[in-house]
Amino acid sequence: MQVAFIAKLFVTPEKKDEFEAPQKMLSVLTQNYEADTVVCDCLRHRDEAVFETHQKGACHDDLVPPILEALTEEVDLEVFDLIE
C-alpha cells in the first residue's frame, strides 16, 4: 500500500538557509535509500502569479472544466517552488 503525506513546516525568514540545506539532503537521501518512498521533495510557498500563467495555457480551457465538474469541493490551491 502506498501512502502520501504533506508536512507544512513554517520557517522564520532568518532561518531559511539553515532549514533548506539539510532539508535538501534529507530529500536526496530519502529518494536514494527508501525504496517505498515515491517522492520526497521540499517546496517553498510562492505567490499565485505562476498559476495565473498556467491558466492561460493552450490545453487549460479543454481539460480543466471536466476536472472541476467532478470535484465535490472547491480547489485548495497553493503554489510552490521546488527547492533544488
PDB file of N, CA and C in Angstrom:
ATOM      1  N   MET A   1       0.839  -1.179   0.000  1.00  0.00           N
ATOM      2  CA  MET A   1       0.000   0.000   0.000  1.00  0.00           C
ATOM      3  C   MET A   1       0.887   1.247   0.000  1.00  0.00           C
ATOM      4  N   GLN A   2       0.586   2.184  -0.880  1.00  0.00           N
ATOM      5  CA  GLN A   2       1.327   3.435  -0.909  1.00  0.00           C
ATOM      6  C   GLN A   2       0.586   4.479  -0.088  1.00  0.00           C
ATOM      7  N   VAL A   3       1.341   5.293   0.594  1.00  0.00           N
ATOM      8  CA  VAL A   3       0.781   6.336   1.444  1.00  0.00           C
ATOM      9  C   VAL A   3       1.422   7.653   1.052  1.00  0.00           C
ATOM     10  N   ALA A   4       0.649   8.714   1.087  1.00  0.00           N
ATOM     11  CA  ALA A   4       1.177  10.049   0.784  1.00  0.00           C
ATOM     12  C   ALA A   4       0.949  10.960   1.982  1.00  0.00           C
ATOM     13  N   PHE A   5       1.882  11.851   2.192  1.00  0.00           N
ATOM     14  CA  PHE A   5       1.665  12.868   3.224  1.00  0.00           C
ATOM     15  C   PHE A   5       2.330  14.155   2.797  1.00  0.00           C
ATOM     16  N   ILE A   6       1.796  15.242   3.311  1.00  0.00           N
ATOM     17  CA  ILE A   6       2.376  16.563   3.105  1.00  0.00           C
ATOM     18  C   ILE A   6       2.551  17.170   4.487  1.00  0.00           C
ATOM     19  N   ALA A   7       3.757  17.586   4.792  1.00  0.00           N
ATOM     20  CA  ALA A   7       4.046  18.237   6.063  1.00  0.00           C
ATOM     21  C   ALA A   7       4.297  19.716   5.788  1.00  0.00           C
ATOM     22  N   LYS A   8       3.518  20.580   6.413  1.00  0.00           N
ATOM     23  CA  LYS A   8       3.746  22.018   6.283  1.00  0.00           C
ATOM     24  C   LYS A   8       4.638  22.455   7.424  1.00  0.00           C
ATOM     25  N   LEU A   9       5.782  23.004   7.069  1.00  0.00           N
ATOM     26  CA  LEU A   9       6.743  23.471   8.055  1.00  0.00           C
ATOM     27  C   LEU A   9       6.899  24.975   7.889  1.00  0.00           C
ATOM     28  N   PHE A  10       6.743  25.703   8.963  1.00  0.00           N
ATOM     29  CA  PHE A  10       6.833  27.151   8.904  1.00  0.00           C
ATOM     30  C   PHE A  10       8.186  27.584   9.460  1.00  0.00           C
ATOM     31  N   VAL A  11       8.959  28.274   8.626  1.00  0.00           N
ATOM     32  CA  VAL A  11      10.334  28.636   8.955  1.00  0.00           C
ATOM     33  C   VAL A  11      10.452  30.156   8.996  1.00  0.00           C
ATOM     34  N   THR A  12      11.142  30.658  10.001  1.00  0.00           N
ATOM     35  CA  THR A  12      11.356  32.098  10.065  1.00  0.00           C
ATOM     36  C   THR A  12      12.314  32.508   8.951  1.00  0.00           C
ATOM     37  N   PRO A  13      12.130  33.682   8.389  1.00  0.00           N
ATOM     38  CA  PRO A  13      12.962  34.108   7.258  1.00  0.00           C
ATOM     39  C   PRO A  13      14.465  34.038   7.552  1.00  0.00           C
ATOM     40  N   GLU A  14      14.872  34.374   8.756  1.00  0.00           N
ATOM     41  CA  GLU A  14      16.309  34.364   9.063  1.00  0.00           C
ATOM     42  C   GLU A  14      16.876  32.945   9.190  1.00  0.00           C
ATOM     43  N   LYS A  15      16.034  31.928   9.293  1.00  0.00           N
ATOM     44  CA  LYS A  15      16.479  30.538   9.393  1.00  0.00           C
ATOM     45  C   LYS A  15      16.294  29.773   8.079  1.00  0.00           C
ATOM     46  N   LYS A  16      15.882  30.463   7.007  1.00  0.00           N
ATOM     47  CA  LYS A  16      15.582  29.815   5.732  1.00  0.00           C
ATOM     48  C   LYS A  16      16.753  28.977   5.218  1.00  0.00           C
ATOM     49  N   ASP A  17      17.941  29.554   5.154  1.00  0.00           N
ATOM     50  CA  ASP A  17      19.100  28.822   4.626  1.00  0.00           C
ATOM     51  C   ASP A  17      19.479  27.651   5.535  1.00  0.00           C
ATOM     52  N   GLU A  18      19.407  27.857   6.844  1.00  0.00           N
ATOM     53  CA  GLU A  18      19.717  26.788   7.795  1.00  0.00           C
ATOM     54  C   GLU A  18      18.739  25.626   7.647  1.00  0.00           C
ATOM     55  N   PHE A  19      17.505  25.916   7.290  1.00  0.00           N
ATOM     56  CA  PHE A  19      16.489  24.884   7.095  1.00  0.00           C
ATOM     57  C   PHE A  19      16.655  24.182   5.752  1.00  0.00           C
ATOM     58  N   GLU A  20      16.828  24.955   4.687  1.00  0.00           N
ATOM     59  CA  GLU A  20      16.807  24.388   3.339  1.00  0.00           C
ATOM     60  C   GLU A  20      17.977  23.453   3.059  1.00  0.00           C
ATOM     61  N   ALA A  21      19.149  23.759   3.545  1.00  0.00           N
ATOM     62  CA  ALA A  21      20.318  22.910   3.252  1.00  0.00           C
ATOM     63  C   ALA A  21      20.128  21.473   3.764  1.00  0.00           C
ATOM     64  N   PRO A  22      19.809  21.262   5.050  1.00  0.00           N
ATOM     65  CA  PRO A  22      19.612  19.875   5.486  1.00  0.00           C
ATOM     66  C   PRO A  22      18.347  19.247   4.903  1.00  0.00           C
ATOM     67  N   GLN A  23      17.353  20.056   4.602  1.00  0.00           N
ATOM     68  CA  GLN A  23      16.129  19.508   4.008  1.00  0.00           C
ATOM     69  C   GLN A  23      16.404  18.961   2.613  1.00  0.00           C
ATOM     70  N   LYS A  24      17.225  19.665   1.848  1.00  0.00           N
ATOM     71  CA  LYS A  24      17.615  19.169   0.521  1.00  0.00           C
ATOM     72  C   LYS A  24      18.322  17.812   0.648  1.00  0.00           C
ATOM     73  N   MET A  25      19.242  17.708   1.605  1.00  0.00           N
ATOM     74  CA  MET A  25      19.971  16.457   1.806  1.00  0.00           C
ATOM     75  C   MET A  25      19.019  15.349   2.253  1.00  0.00           C
ATOM     76  N   LEU A  26      18.084  15.652   3.121  1.00  0.00           N
ATOM     77  CA  LEU A  26      17.103  14.661   3.560  1.00  0.00           C
ATOM     78  C   LEU A  26      16.298  14.144   2.373  1.00  0.00           C
ATOM     79  N   SER A  27      15.907  15.022   1.472  1.00  0.00           N
ATOM     80  CA  SER A  27      15.157  14.605   0.281  1.00  0.00           C
ATOM     81  C   SER A  27      15.980  13.663  -0.588  1.00  0.00           C
ATOM     82  N   VAL A  28      17.240  14.007  -0.813  1.00  0.00           N
ATOM     83  CA  VAL A  28      18.115  13.171  -1.640  1.00  0.00           C
ATOM     84  C   VAL A  28      18.315  11.799  -0.996  1.00  0.00           C
ATOM     85  N   LEU A  29      18.622  11.779   0.293  1.00  0.00           N
ATOM     86  CA  LEU A  29      18.859  10.515   0.980  1.00  0.00           C
ATOM     87  C   LEU A  29      17.604   9.648   1.023  1.00  0.00           C
ATOM     88  N   THR A  30      16.461  10.278   1.223  1.00  0.00           N
ATOM     89  CA  THR A  30      15.203   9.525   1.230  1.00  0.00           C
ATOM     90  C   THR A  30      14.961   8.893  -0.127  1.00  0.00           C
ATOM     91  N   GLN A  31      15.147   9.651  -1.191  1.00  0.00           N
ATOM     92  CA  GLN A  31      14.942   9.114  -2.535  1.00  0.00           C
ATOM     93  C   GLN A  31      15.929   7.992  -2.852  1.00  0.00           C
ATOM     94  N   ASN A  32      17.145   8.096  -2.351  1.00  0.00           N
ATOM     95  CA  ASN A  32      18.181   7.097  -2.645  1.00  0.00           C
ATOM     96  C   ASN A  32      18.060   5.825  -1.810  1.00  0.00           C
ATOM     97  N   TYR A  33      17.572   5.930  -0.579  1.00  0.00           N
ATOM     98  CA  TYR A  33      17.662   4.796   0.333  1.00  0.00           C
ATOM     99  C   TYR A  33      16.327   4.284   0.873  1.00  0.00           C
ATOM    100  N   GLU A  34      15.231   4.916   0.527  1.00  0.00           N
ATOM    101  CA  GLU A  34      13.927   4.436   0.988  1.00  0.00           C
ATOM    102  C   GLU A  34      13.102   4.052  -0.233  1.00  0.00           C
ATOM    103  N   ALA A  35      13.204   2.806  -0.636  1.00  0.00           N
ATOM    104  CA  ALA A  35      12.572   2.332  -1.871  1.00  0.00           C
ATOM    105  C   ALA A  35      11.058   2.509  -1.876  1.00  0.00           C
ATOM    106  N   ASP A  36      10.423   2.466  -0.715  1.00  0.00           N
ATOM    107  CA  ASP A  36       8.964   2.591  -0.651  1.00  0.00           C
ATOM    108  C   ASP A  36       8.488   4.039  -0.736  1.00  0.00           C
ATOM    109  N   THR A  37       9.410   4.966  -0.665  1.00  0.00           N
ATOM    110  CA  THR A  37       9.038   6.379  -0.751  1.00  0.00           C
ATOM    111  C   THR A  37       9.122   6.807  -2.206  1.00  0.00           C
ATOM    112  N   VAL A  38       7.974   7.179  -2.769  1.00  0.00           N
ATOM    113  CA  VAL A  38       7.912   7.531  -4.187  1.00  0.00           C
ATOM    114  C   VAL A  38       8.574   8.878  -4.435  1.00  0.00           C
ATOM    115  N   VAL A  39       8.233   9.879  -3.646  1.00  0.00           N
ATOM    116  CA  VAL A  39       8.780  11.227  -3.819  1.00  0.00           C
ATOM    117  C   VAL A  39       8.996  11.841  -2.444  1.00  0.00           C
ATOM    118  N   CYS A  40      10.107  12.473  -2.281  1.00  0.00           N
ATOM    119  CA  CYS A  40      10.366  13.252  -1.073  1.00  0.00           C
ATOM    120  C   CYS A  40      11.006  14.549  -1.546  1.00  0.00           C
ATOM    121  N   ASP A  41      10.230  15.590  -1.594  1.00  0.00           N
ATOM    122  CA  ASP A  41      10.731  16.873  -2.065  1.00  0.00           C
ATOM    123  C   ASP A  41      10.389  17.961  -1.070  1.00  0.00           C
ATOM    124  N   CYS A  42      11.112  19.029  -1.147  1.00  0.00           N
ATOM    125  CA  CYS A  42      10.870  20.189  -0.307  1.00  0.00           C
ATOM    126  C   CYS A  42      10.431  21.334  -1.217  1.00  0.00           C
ATOM    127  N   LEU A  43       9.343  21.963  -0.849  1.00  0.00           N
ATOM    128  CA  LEU A  43       8.783  23.049  -1.651  1.00  0.00           C
ATOM    129  C   LEU A  43       8.725  24.327  -0.829  1.00  0.00           C
ATOM    130  N   ARG A  44       8.927  25.445  -1.487  1.00  0.00           N
ATOM    131  CA  ARG A  44       8.817  26.755  -0.844  1.00  0.00           C
ATOM    132  C   ARG A  44       7.569  27.450  -1.386  1.00  0.00           C
ATOM    133  N   HIS A  45       6.731  27.938  -0.484  1.00  0.00           N
ATOM    134  CA  HIS A  45       5.497  28.610  -0.890  1.00  0.00           C
ATOM    135  C   HIS A  45       5.815  29.837  -1.715  1.00  0.00           C
ATOM    136  N   ARG A  46       4.952  30.090  -2.687  1.00  0.00           N
ATOM    137  CA  ARG A  46       5.192  31.221  -3.582  1.00  0.00           C
ATOM    138  C   ARG A  46       3.859  31.894  -3.902  1.00  0.00           C
ATOM    139  N   ASP A  47       3.895  33.044  -4.548  1.00  0.00           N
ATOM    140  CA  ASP A  47       2.642  33.724  -4.885  1.00  0.00           C
ATOM    141  C   ASP A  47       1.940  33.015  -6.045  1.00  0.00           C
ATOM    142  N   GLU A  48       0.764  33.463  -6.392  1.00  0.00           N
ATOM    143  CA  GLU A  48      -0.042  32.763  -7.386  1.00  0.00           C
ATOM    144  C   GLU A  48       0.175  33.243  -8.823  1.00  0.00           C
ATOM    145  N   ALA A  49       1.166  34.065  -9.082  1.00  0.00           N
ATOM    146  CA  ALA A  49       1.411  34.557 -10.443  1.00  0.00           C
ATOM    147  C   ALA A  49       1.695  33.414 -11.410  1.00  0.00           C
ATOM    148  N   VAL A  50       2.416  32.401 -10.964  1.00  0.00           N
ATOM    149  CA  VAL A  50       2.722  31.259 -11.820  1.00  0.00           C
ATOM    150  C   VAL A  50       1.440  30.520 -12.196  1.00  0.00           C
ATOM    151  N   PHE A  51       0.543  30.377 -11.229  1.00  0.00           N
ATOM    152  CA  PHE A  51      -0.720  29.695 -11.510  1.00  0.00           C
ATOM    153  C   PHE A  51      -1.542  30.482 -12.523  1.00  0.00           C
ATOM    154  N   GLU A  52      -1.537  31.790 -12.425  1.00  0.00           N
ATOM    155  CA  GLU A  52      -2.269  32.615 -13.386  1.00  0.00           C
ATOM    156  C   GLU A  52      -1.736  32.387 -14.799  1.00  0.00           C
ATOM    157  N   THR A  53      -0.444  32.266 -14.955  1.00  0.00           N
ATOM    158  CA  THR A  53       0.152  31.956 -16.256  1.00  0.00           C
ATOM    159  C   THR A  53      -0.276  30.571 -16.722  1.00  0.00           C
ATOM    160  N   HIS A  54      -0.272  29.608 -15.809  1.00  0.00           N
ATOM    161  CA  HIS A  54      -0.696  28.238 -16.129  1.00  0.00           C
ATOM    162  C   HIS A  54      -2.127  28.223 -16.678  1.00  0.00           C
ATOM    163  N   GLN A  55      -2.985  29.038 -16.107  1.00  0.00           N
ATOM    164  CA  GLN A  55      -4.385  29.070 -16.535  1.00  0.00           C
ATOM    165  C   GLN A  55      -4.544  29.562 -17.977  1.00  0.00           C
ATOM    166  N   LYS A  56      -3.567  30.229 -18.506  1.00  0.00           N
ATOM    167  CA  LYS A  56      -3.634  30.737 -19.877  1.00  0.00           C
ATOM    168  C   LYS A  56      -3.085  29.732 -20.889  1.00  0.00           C
ATOM    169  N   GLY A  57      -2.666  28.538 -20.419  1.00  0.00           N
ATOM    170  CA  GLY A  57      -2.109  27.511 -21.300  1.00  0.00           C
ATOM    171  C   GLY A  57      -3.121  27.010 -22.307  1.00  0.00           C
ATOM    172  N   ALA A  58      -2.629  26.490 -23.429  1.00  0.00           N
ATOM    173  CA  ALA A  58      -3.480  26.070 -24.547  1.00  0.00           C
ATOM    174  C   ALA A  58      -4.480  24.983 -24.164  1.00  0.00           C
ATOM    175  N   CYS A  59      -4.091  24.044 -23.335  1.00  0.00           N
ATOM    176  CA  CYS A  59      -4.977  22.929 -23.006  1.00  0.00           C
ATOM    177  C   CYS A  59      -5.901  23.222 -21.832  1.00  0.00           C
ATOM    178  N   HIS A  60      -5.685  24.315 -21.147  1.00  0.00           N
ATOM    179  CA  HIS A  60      -6.435  24.608 -19.929  1.00  0.00           C
ATOM    180  C   HIS A  60      -7.944  24.636 -20.161  1.00  0.00           C
ATOM    181  N   ASP A  61      -8.387  25.356 -21.179  1.00  0.00           N
ATOM    182  CA  ASP A  61      -9.827  25.522 -21.409  1.00  0.00           C
ATOM    183  C   ASP A  61     -10.515  24.208 -21.775  1.00  0.00           C
ATOM    184  N   ASP A  62      -9.794  23.277 -22.381  1.00  0.00           N
ATOM    185  CA  ASP A  62     -10.387  21.993 -22.757  1.00  0.00           C
ATOM    186  C   ASP A  62     -10.394  20.991 -21.599  1.00  0.00           C
ATOM    187  N   LEU A  63      -9.355  20.963 -20.828  1.00  0.00           N
ATOM    188  CA  LEU A  63      -9.196  19.917 -19.827  1.00  0.00           C
ATOM    189  C   LEU A  63      -9.714  20.259 -18.434  1.00  0.00           C
ATOM    190  N   VAL A  64      -9.635  21.508 -18.050  1.00  0.00           N
ATOM    191  CA  VAL A  64      -9.966  21.861 -16.674  1.00  0.00           C
ATOM    192  C   VAL A  64     -11.463  21.815 -16.363  1.00  0.00           C
ATOM    193  N   PRO A  65     -12.361  22.288 -17.234  1.00  0.00           N
ATOM    194  CA  PRO A  65     -13.784  22.234 -16.873  1.00  0.00           C
ATOM    195  C   PRO A  65     -14.289  20.848 -16.469  1.00  0.00           C
ATOM    196  N   PRO A  66     -13.969  19.763 -17.206  1.00  0.00           N
ATOM    197  CA  PRO A  66     -14.446  18.464 -16.733  1.00  0.00           C
ATOM    198  C   PRO A  66     -13.816  18.026 -15.404  1.00  0.00           C
ATOM    199  N   ILE A  67     -12.584  18.455 -15.166  1.00  0.00           N
ATOM    200  CA  ILE A  67     -11.941  18.148 -13.886  1.00  0.00           C
ATOM    201  C   ILE A  67     -12.702  18.846 -12.763  1.00  0.00           C
ATOM    202  N   LEU A  68     -12.970  20.127 -12.943  1.00  0.00           N
ATOM    203  CA  LEU A  68     -13.669  20.890 -11.909  1.00  0.00           C
ATOM    204  C   LEU A  68     -15.083  20.373 -11.673  1.00  0.00           C
ATOM    205  N   GLU A  69     -15.757  19.936 -12.726  1.00  0.00           N
ATOM    206  CA  GLU A  69     -17.119  19.413 -12.589  1.00  0.00           C
ATOM    207  C   GLU A  69     -17.150  18.138 -11.755  1.00  0.00           C
ATOM    208  N   ALA A  70     -16.061  17.390 -11.718  1.00  0.00           N
ATOM    209  CA  ALA A  70     -16.011  16.136 -10.959  1.00  0.00           C
ATOM    210  C   ALA A  70     -15.708  16.348  -9.477  1.00  0.00           C
ATOM    211  N   LEU A  71     -15.279  17.534  -9.108  1.00  0.00           N
ATOM    212  CA  LEU A  71     -14.888  17.794  -7.721  1.00  0.00           C
ATOM    213  C   LEU A  71     -16.107  17.943  -6.810  1.00  0.00           C
ATOM    214  N   THR A  72     -15.945  17.499  -5.584  1.00  0.00           N
ATOM    215  CA  THR A  72     -17.013  17.650  -4.596  1.00  0.00           C
ATOM    216  C   THR A  72     -16.811  18.883  -3.721  1.00  0.00           C
ATOM    217  N   GLU A  73     -15.616  19.476  -3.782  1.00  0.00           N
ATOM    218  CA  GLU A  73     -15.312  20.681  -3.005  1.00  0.00           C
ATOM    219  C   GLU A  73     -14.488  21.632  -3.859  1.00  0.00           C
ATOM    220  N   GLU A  74     -14.390  22.862  -3.415  1.00  0.00           N
ATOM    221  CA  GLU A  74     -13.560  23.849  -4.098  1.00  0.00           C
ATOM    222  C   GLU A  74     -12.102  23.394  -4.111  1.00  0.00           C
ATOM    223  N   VAL A  75     -11.352  23.840  -5.082  1.00  0.00           N
ATOM    224  CA  VAL A  75      -9.922  23.528  -5.176  1.00  0.00           C
ATOM    225  C   VAL A  75      -9.177  24.222  -4.035  1.00  0.00           C
ATOM    226  N   ASP A  76      -8.330  23.486  -3.348  1.00  0.00           N
ATOM    227  CA  ASP A  76      -7.464  24.038  -2.312  1.00  0.00           C
ATOM    228  C   ASP A  76      -6.117  24.293  -2.969  1.00  0.00           C
ATOM    229  N   LEU A  77      -5.908  25.489  -3.489  1.00  0.00           N
ATOM    230  CA  LEU A  77      -4.757  25.793  -4.319  1.00  0.00           C
ATOM    231  C   LEU A  77      -3.671  26.525  -3.542  1.00  0.00           C
ATOM    232  N   GLU A  78      -2.448  25.999  -3.647  1.00  0.00           N
ATOM    233  CA  GLU A  78      -1.271  26.676  -3.142  1.00  0.00           C
ATOM    234  C   GLU A  78      -0.186  26.479  -4.198  1.00  0.00           C
ATOM    235  N   VAL A  79       0.649  27.476  -4.392  1.00  0.00           N
ATOM    236  CA  VAL A  79       1.706  27.427  -5.413  1.00  0.00           C
ATOM    237  C   VAL A  79       3.051  27.402  -4.696  1.00  0.00           C
ATOM    238  N   PHE A  80       3.949  26.497  -5.164  1.00  0.00           N
ATOM    239  CA  PHE A  80       5.237  26.295  -4.510  1.00  0.00           C
ATOM    240  C   PHE A  80       6.358  26.259  -5.526  1.00  0.00           C
ATOM    241  N   ASP A  81       7.565  26.573  -5.078  1.00  0.00           N
ATOM    242  CA  ASP A  81       8.791  26.372  -5.854  1.00  0.00           C
ATOM    243  C   ASP A  81       9.468  25.132  -5.286  1.00  0.00           C
ATOM    244  N   LEU A  82      10.004  24.291  -6.173  1.00  0.00           N
ATOM    245  CA  LEU A  82      10.788  23.138  -5.748  1.00  0.00           C
ATOM    246  C   LEU A  82      12.154  23.626  -5.286  1.00  0.00           C
ATOM    247  N   ILE A  83      12.580  23.214  -4.110  1.00  0.00           N
ATOM    248  CA  ILE A  83      13.904  23.574  -3.608  1.00  0.00           C
ATOM    249  C   ILE A  83      14.880  22.533  -4.121  1.00  0.00           C
ATOM    250  N   GLU A  84      15.789  22.960  -4.995  1.00  0.00           N
ATOM    251  CA  GLU A  84      16.754  22.030  -5.605  1.00  0.00           C
ATOM    252  C   GLU A  84      18.163  22.331  -5.159  1.00  0.00           C
TER     253      GLU A  84
END
